[in-house]
Amino acid sequence: MANVVALVDDLFFQAKMQETARQVGVELKAVATGEALLAEAQQGSAALLIVDLNSRHGGIEALERLRAAGNQRPVIAFLSHVQAELAERARAAGCQQVMPRSKFTQNLAAILSQAKS
């Protein structure tokens, strides 16, 4: 099973994440909807969940539903740096780290390495 499950619907960024995960020795499963993220989280195998809050398919809603379901796994979310209100909503939904997409991209290898067993 995947070490990391990521809700990312940008195919180019998904490919970048997959390649970085391969380089650091982590299995990453990308999903395109909040529902798919919830289903993967309920299976319980991922060590880390990643959410693109700018996903067109329910990023923030997935975070809120994860919290309601009692999720205990670490969640890292990223978004545009100007979306302070959305960042606060994500923190309120239990997201441990919320960062601008640029910082997330810059630290992607280290972030993914957190999921190593």
N, C-alpha and C. Protein backbone atom coordinates (compact mmCIF):
# COMPACT_ATOMS: atom_id res chain seq x y z
N MET A 1 0.83 -1.19 0.00
CA MET A 1 0.00 0.00 0.00
C MET A 1 0.88 1.26 0.00
N ALA A 2 0.27 2.36 -0.36
CA ALA A 2 1.00 3.62 -0.48
C ALA A 2 1.38 4.18 0.88
N ASN A 3 2.60 4.76 0.96
CA ASN A 3 3.02 5.47 2.16
C ASN A 3 2.34 6.82 2.25
N VAL A 4 2.07 7.41 1.08
CA VAL A 4 1.49 8.75 1.00
C VAL A 4 0.31 8.70 0.04
N VAL A 5 -0.78 9.34 0.44
CA VAL A 5 -1.91 9.52 -0.46
C VAL A 5 -2.09 11.03 -0.63
N ALA A 6 -2.15 11.46 -1.88
CA ALA A 6 -2.22 12.89 -2.17
C ALA A 6 -3.42 13.21 -3.04
N LEU A 7 -4.21 14.18 -2.60
CA LEU A 7 -5.30 14.72 -3.40
C LEU A 7 -4.73 15.85 -4.24
N VAL A 8 -4.46 15.55 -5.50
CA VAL A 8 -3.87 16.52 -6.43
C VAL A 8 -4.48 16.24 -7.80
N ASP A 9 -5.18 17.23 -8.35
CA ASP A 9 -5.80 16.99 -9.66
C ASP A 9 -5.04 17.65 -10.81
N ASP A 10 -3.92 18.29 -10.52
CA ASP A 10 -3.06 18.87 -11.54
C ASP A 10 -2.11 17.76 -12.01
N LEU A 11 -2.31 17.28 -13.24
CA LEU A 11 -1.55 16.13 -13.74
C LEU A 11 -0.05 16.38 -13.82
N PHE A 12 0.36 17.60 -14.17
CA PHE A 12 1.78 17.90 -14.23
C PHE A 12 2.41 17.86 -12.85
N PHE A 13 1.72 18.43 -11.87
CA PHE A 13 2.24 18.43 -10.51
C PHE A 13 2.21 17.02 -9.92
N GLN A 14 1.20 16.26 -10.29
CA GLN A 14 1.12 14.86 -9.87
C GLN A 14 2.35 14.10 -10.34
N ALA A 15 2.73 14.31 -11.60
CA ALA A 15 3.91 13.64 -12.15
C ALA A 15 5.17 14.05 -11.40
N LYS A 16 5.29 15.31 -11.07
CA LYS A 16 6.45 15.80 -10.30
C LYS A 16 6.49 15.13 -8.93
N MET A 17 5.35 15.02 -8.29
CA MET A 17 5.28 14.38 -6.97
C MET A 17 5.64 12.90 -7.07
N GLN A 18 5.14 12.23 -8.09
CA GLN A 18 5.43 10.81 -8.28
C GLN A 18 6.92 10.58 -8.48
N GLU A 19 7.54 11.41 -9.29
CA GLU A 19 8.97 11.27 -9.55
C GLU A 19 9.79 11.53 -8.29
N THR A 20 9.42 12.56 -7.55
CA THR A 20 10.14 12.86 -6.30
C THR A 20 9.96 11.73 -5.30
N ALA A 21 8.76 11.19 -5.22
CA ALA A 21 8.50 10.06 -4.31
C ALA A 21 9.37 8.87 -4.69
N ARG A 22 9.48 8.60 -5.97
CA ARG A 22 10.32 7.50 -6.44
C ARG A 22 11.77 7.73 -6.03
N GLN A 23 12.24 8.95 -6.17
CA GLN A 23 13.63 9.28 -5.84
C GLN A 23 13.93 9.11 -4.36
N VAL A 24 12.95 9.40 -3.50
CA VAL A 24 13.20 9.28 -2.05
C VAL A 24 12.77 7.92 -1.49
N GLY A 25 12.24 7.06 -2.36
CA GLY A 25 11.88 5.72 -1.93
C GLY A 25 10.56 5.61 -1.19
N VAL A 26 9.62 6.42 -1.58
CA VAL A 26 8.29 6.42 -0.96
C VAL A 26 7.26 6.11 -2.03
N GLU A 27 6.29 5.30 -1.69
CA GLU A 27 5.20 5.02 -2.62
C GLU A 27 4.11 6.07 -2.43
N LEU A 28 3.75 6.75 -3.51
CA LEU A 28 2.75 7.80 -3.47
C LEU A 28 1.58 7.41 -4.35
N LYS A 29 0.39 7.51 -3.82
CA LYS A 29 -0.82 7.29 -4.62
C LYS A 29 -1.54 8.62 -4.75
N ALA A 30 -1.71 9.07 -5.97
CA ALA A 30 -2.42 10.32 -6.22
C ALA A 30 -3.88 10.01 -6.50
N VAL A 31 -4.75 10.79 -5.89
CA VAL A 31 -6.19 10.67 -6.13
C VAL A 31 -6.69 12.03 -6.60
N ALA A 32 -7.79 12.02 -7.32
CA ALA A 32 -8.28 13.25 -7.94
C ALA A 32 -9.49 13.86 -7.25
N THR A 33 -10.07 13.16 -6.26
CA THR A 33 -11.26 13.69 -5.61
C THR A 33 -11.15 13.54 -4.09
N GLY A 34 -11.90 14.38 -3.41
CA GLY A 34 -11.97 14.27 -1.96
C GLY A 34 -12.53 12.94 -1.52
N GLU A 35 -13.49 12.43 -2.25
CA GLU A 35 -14.08 11.12 -1.92
C GLU A 35 -13.04 10.01 -1.99
N ALA A 36 -12.20 10.05 -3.01
CA ALA A 36 -11.15 9.04 -3.15
C ALA A 36 -10.13 9.16 -2.02
N LEU A 37 -9.82 10.37 -1.60
CA LEU A 37 -8.90 10.57 -0.47
C LEU A 37 -9.49 9.96 0.80
N LEU A 38 -10.77 10.22 1.04
CA LEU A 38 -11.43 9.66 2.21
C LEU A 38 -11.43 8.14 2.19
N ALA A 39 -11.69 7.57 1.04
CA ALA A 39 -11.69 6.11 0.92
C ALA A 39 -10.31 5.54 1.22
N GLU A 40 -9.27 6.16 0.70
CA GLU A 40 -7.90 5.70 0.96
C GLU A 40 -7.55 5.87 2.44
N ALA A 41 -7.95 6.98 3.02
CA ALA A 41 -7.65 7.22 4.44
C ALA A 41 -8.34 6.20 5.33
N GLN A 42 -9.54 5.80 4.96
CA GLN A 42 -10.28 4.82 5.76
C GLN A 42 -9.63 3.45 5.71
N GLN A 43 -8.87 3.16 4.65
CA GLN A 43 -8.16 1.89 4.57
C GLN A 43 -7.01 1.86 5.58
N GLY A 44 -6.53 3.04 5.97
CA GLY A 44 -5.59 3.14 7.06
C GLY A 44 -4.14 2.82 6.79
N SER A 45 -3.73 2.64 5.55
CA SER A 45 -2.34 2.23 5.31
C SER A 45 -1.37 3.40 5.11
N ALA A 46 -1.85 4.56 4.73
CA ALA A 46 -0.96 5.69 4.44
C ALA A 46 -0.41 6.30 5.73
N ALA A 47 0.88 6.64 5.70
CA ALA A 47 1.51 7.29 6.84
C ALA A 47 1.32 8.81 6.78
N LEU A 48 1.00 9.34 5.59
CA LEU A 48 0.88 10.78 5.39
C LEU A 48 -0.17 11.05 4.33
N LEU A 49 -0.98 12.07 4.58
CA LEU A 49 -1.98 12.53 3.61
C LEU A 49 -1.59 13.94 3.17
N ILE A 50 -1.69 14.19 1.87
CA ILE A 50 -1.38 15.51 1.31
C ILE A 50 -2.61 15.99 0.55
N VAL A 51 -2.93 17.27 0.74
CA VAL A 51 -4.12 17.84 0.09
C VAL A 51 -3.78 19.15 -0.60
N ASP A 52 -4.08 19.22 -1.88
CA ASP A 52 -4.01 20.47 -2.63
C ASP A 52 -5.32 21.20 -2.36
N LEU A 53 -5.25 22.27 -1.60
CA LEU A 53 -6.48 22.99 -1.24
C LEU A 53 -7.10 23.72 -2.43
N ASN A 54 -6.36 23.81 -3.52
CA ASN A 54 -6.92 24.40 -4.73
C ASN A 54 -7.47 23.36 -5.69
N SER A 55 -7.56 22.13 -5.23
CA SER A 55 -8.15 21.07 -6.03
C SER A 55 -9.59 21.44 -6.38
N ARG A 56 -9.96 21.13 -7.59
CA ARG A 56 -11.33 21.43 -8.03
C ARG A 56 -12.33 20.41 -7.49
N HIS A 57 -11.83 19.41 -6.79
CA HIS A 57 -12.71 18.31 -6.37
C HIS A 57 -12.71 18.06 -4.87
N GLY A 58 -12.91 19.11 -4.09
CA GLY A 58 -13.21 18.94 -2.68
C GLY A 58 -12.06 18.81 -1.70
N GLY A 59 -11.01 19.60 -1.85
CA GLY A 59 -9.88 19.52 -0.93
C GLY A 59 -10.25 19.89 0.50
N ILE A 60 -10.80 21.06 0.70
CA ILE A 60 -11.11 21.51 2.06
C ILE A 60 -12.23 20.66 2.66
N GLU A 61 -13.19 20.28 1.84
CA GLU A 61 -14.28 19.43 2.33
C GLU A 61 -13.75 18.07 2.78
N ALA A 62 -12.78 17.54 2.05
CA ALA A 62 -12.17 16.26 2.44
C ALA A 62 -11.47 16.38 3.79
N LEU A 63 -10.77 17.51 4.01
CA LEU A 63 -10.13 17.73 5.31
C LEU A 63 -11.15 17.75 6.43
N GLU A 64 -12.24 18.45 6.20
CA GLU A 64 -13.28 18.54 7.23
C GLU A 64 -13.90 17.18 7.52
N ARG A 65 -14.08 16.39 6.49
CA ARG A 65 -14.65 15.04 6.69
C ARG A 65 -13.65 14.10 7.35
N LEU A 66 -12.36 14.25 7.04
CA LEU A 66 -11.33 13.46 7.71
C LEU A 66 -11.34 13.73 9.21
N ARG A 67 -11.44 15.00 9.56
CA ARG A 67 -11.47 15.37 10.98
C ARG A 67 -12.69 14.76 11.66
N ALA A 68 -13.85 14.87 11.01
CA ALA A 68 -15.08 14.33 11.57
C ALA A 68 -14.99 12.81 11.75
N ALA A 69 -14.21 12.15 10.90
CA ALA A 69 -14.05 10.70 10.98
C ALA A 69 -12.98 10.29 11.99
N GLY A 70 -12.32 11.27 12.62
CA GLY A 70 -11.33 10.96 13.63
C GLY A 70 -9.95 10.62 13.08
N ASN A 71 -9.60 11.14 11.93
CA ASN A 71 -8.29 10.87 11.33
C ASN A 71 -7.16 11.20 12.31
N GLN A 72 -6.20 10.30 12.44
CA GLN A 72 -5.04 10.51 13.31
C GLN A 72 -3.72 10.64 12.52
N ARG A 73 -3.77 10.42 11.21
CA ARG A 73 -2.56 10.53 10.41
C ARG A 73 -2.22 12.00 10.14
N PRO A 74 -0.93 12.28 9.98
CA PRO A 74 -0.55 13.65 9.64
C PRO A 74 -1.11 14.06 8.28
N VAL A 75 -1.53 15.32 8.20
CA VAL A 75 -2.05 15.88 6.95
C VAL A 75 -1.28 17.16 6.67
N ILE A 76 -0.77 17.25 5.45
CA ILE A 76 -0.11 18.47 4.99
C ILE A 76 -0.90 18.99 3.80
N ALA A 77 -1.19 20.29 3.83
CA ALA A 77 -1.94 20.89 2.73
C ALA A 77 -1.14 22.05 2.15
N PHE A 78 -1.37 22.32 0.89
CA PHE A 78 -0.73 23.46 0.25
C PHE A 78 -1.75 24.22 -0.57
N LEU A 79 -1.45 25.50 -0.81
CA LEU A 79 -2.37 26.40 -1.49
C LEU A 79 -1.61 27.61 -1.99
N SER A 80 -2.31 28.50 -2.65
CA SER A 80 -1.72 29.76 -3.09
C SER A 80 -1.41 30.60 -1.85
N HIS A 81 -0.29 31.30 -1.86
CA HIS A 81 0.14 32.06 -0.68
C HIS A 81 -0.80 33.18 -0.27
N VAL A 82 -1.70 33.59 -1.12
CA VAL A 82 -2.61 34.69 -0.80
C VAL A 82 -3.93 34.23 -0.18
N GLN A 83 -4.09 32.95 0.05
CA GLN A 83 -5.36 32.41 0.53
C GLN A 83 -5.35 32.18 2.05
N ALA A 84 -5.14 33.23 2.80
CA ALA A 84 -5.03 33.13 4.26
C ALA A 84 -6.30 32.56 4.90
N GLU A 85 -7.45 32.94 4.40
CA GLU A 85 -8.71 32.46 4.96
C GLU A 85 -8.86 30.94 4.77
N LEU A 86 -8.50 30.46 3.59
CA LEU A 86 -8.56 29.03 3.31
C LEU A 86 -7.56 28.27 4.18
N ALA A 87 -6.39 28.86 4.40
CA ALA A 87 -5.39 28.24 5.27
C ALA A 87 -5.92 28.09 6.68
N GLU A 88 -6.58 29.09 7.19
CA GLU A 88 -7.16 29.02 8.54
C GLU A 88 -8.25 27.96 8.61
N ARG A 89 -9.05 27.87 7.58
CA ARG A 89 -10.10 26.85 7.54
C ARG A 89 -9.48 25.44 7.56
N ALA A 90 -8.37 25.27 6.86
CA ALA A 90 -7.68 23.98 6.84
C ALA A 90 -7.12 23.65 8.22
N ARG A 91 -6.53 24.62 8.88
CA ARG A 91 -6.01 24.39 10.23
C ARG A 91 -7.14 24.02 11.19
N ALA A 92 -8.26 24.71 11.06
CA ALA A 92 -9.42 24.42 11.90
C ALA A 92 -9.96 23.01 11.64
N ALA A 93 -9.72 22.50 10.44
CA ALA A 93 -10.17 21.15 10.09
C ALA A 93 -9.15 20.08 10.49
N GLY A 94 -8.11 20.49 11.22
CA GLY A 94 -7.16 19.52 11.75
C GLY A 94 -5.91 19.30 10.93
N CYS A 95 -5.67 20.13 9.95
CA CYS A 95 -4.47 19.99 9.12
C CYS A 95 -3.26 20.47 9.93
N GLN A 96 -2.26 19.61 10.08
CA GLN A 96 -1.10 19.95 10.89
C GLN A 96 -0.21 21.01 10.26
N GLN A 97 -0.04 20.94 8.95
CA GLN A 97 0.80 21.91 8.24
C GLN A 97 0.07 22.42 7.01
N VAL A 98 0.02 23.73 6.88
CA VAL A 98 -0.53 24.36 5.69
C VAL A 98 0.55 25.30 5.18
N MET A 99 0.90 25.14 3.91
CA MET A 99 1.99 25.97 3.38
C MET A 99 1.70 26.42 1.96
N PRO A 100 2.35 27.51 1.55
CA PRO A 100 2.20 27.94 0.16
C PRO A 100 2.74 26.87 -0.78
N ARG A 101 2.17 26.81 -1.95
CA ARG A 101 2.59 25.81 -2.94
C ARG A 101 4.09 25.91 -3.24
N SER A 102 4.63 27.12 -3.27
CA SER A 102 6.05 27.30 -3.56
C SER A 102 6.92 26.64 -2.48
N LYS A 103 6.57 26.82 -1.22
CA LYS A 103 7.32 26.19 -0.13
C LYS A 103 7.15 24.68 -0.16
N PHE A 104 5.93 24.22 -0.44
CA PHE A 104 5.68 22.79 -0.54
C PHE A 104 6.55 22.18 -1.63
N THR A 105 6.59 22.82 -2.78
CA THR A 105 7.39 22.32 -3.90
C THR A 105 8.87 22.31 -3.55
N GLN A 106 9.33 23.37 -2.93
CA GLN A 106 10.75 23.48 -2.56
C GLN A 106 11.16 22.38 -1.58
N ASN A 107 10.26 21.98 -0.69
CA ASN A 107 10.56 21.00 0.35
C ASN A 107 9.94 19.63 0.09
N LEU A 108 9.53 19.38 -1.15
CA LEU A 108 8.78 18.16 -1.47
C LEU A 108 9.51 16.89 -1.06
N ALA A 109 10.78 16.78 -1.36
CA ALA A 109 11.51 15.54 -1.02
C ALA A 109 11.52 15.32 0.49
N ALA A 110 11.77 16.36 1.26
CA ALA A 110 11.78 16.21 2.73
C ALA A 110 10.39 15.88 3.26
N ILE A 111 9.37 16.48 2.67
CA ILE A 111 7.99 16.22 3.11
C ILE A 111 7.63 14.76 2.85
N LEU A 112 7.93 14.28 1.64
CA LEU A 112 7.60 12.90 1.31
C LEU A 112 8.43 11.91 2.15
N SER A 113 9.64 12.29 2.48
CA SER A 113 10.51 11.41 3.29
C SER A 113 9.94 11.17 4.69
N GLN A 114 9.08 12.04 5.16
CA GLN A 114 8.44 11.88 6.48
C GLN A 114 7.62 10.59 6.53
N ALA A 115 7.20 10.10 5.39
CA ALA A 115 6.32 8.94 5.34
C ALA A 115 7.06 7.62 5.30
N LYS A 116 8.38 7.65 5.31
CA LYS A 116 9.15 6.41 5.27
C LYS A 116 8.90 5.61 6.55
N SER A 117 8.77 4.32 6.37
CA SER A 117 8.51 3.46 7.53
C SER A 117 9.74 3.26 8.37
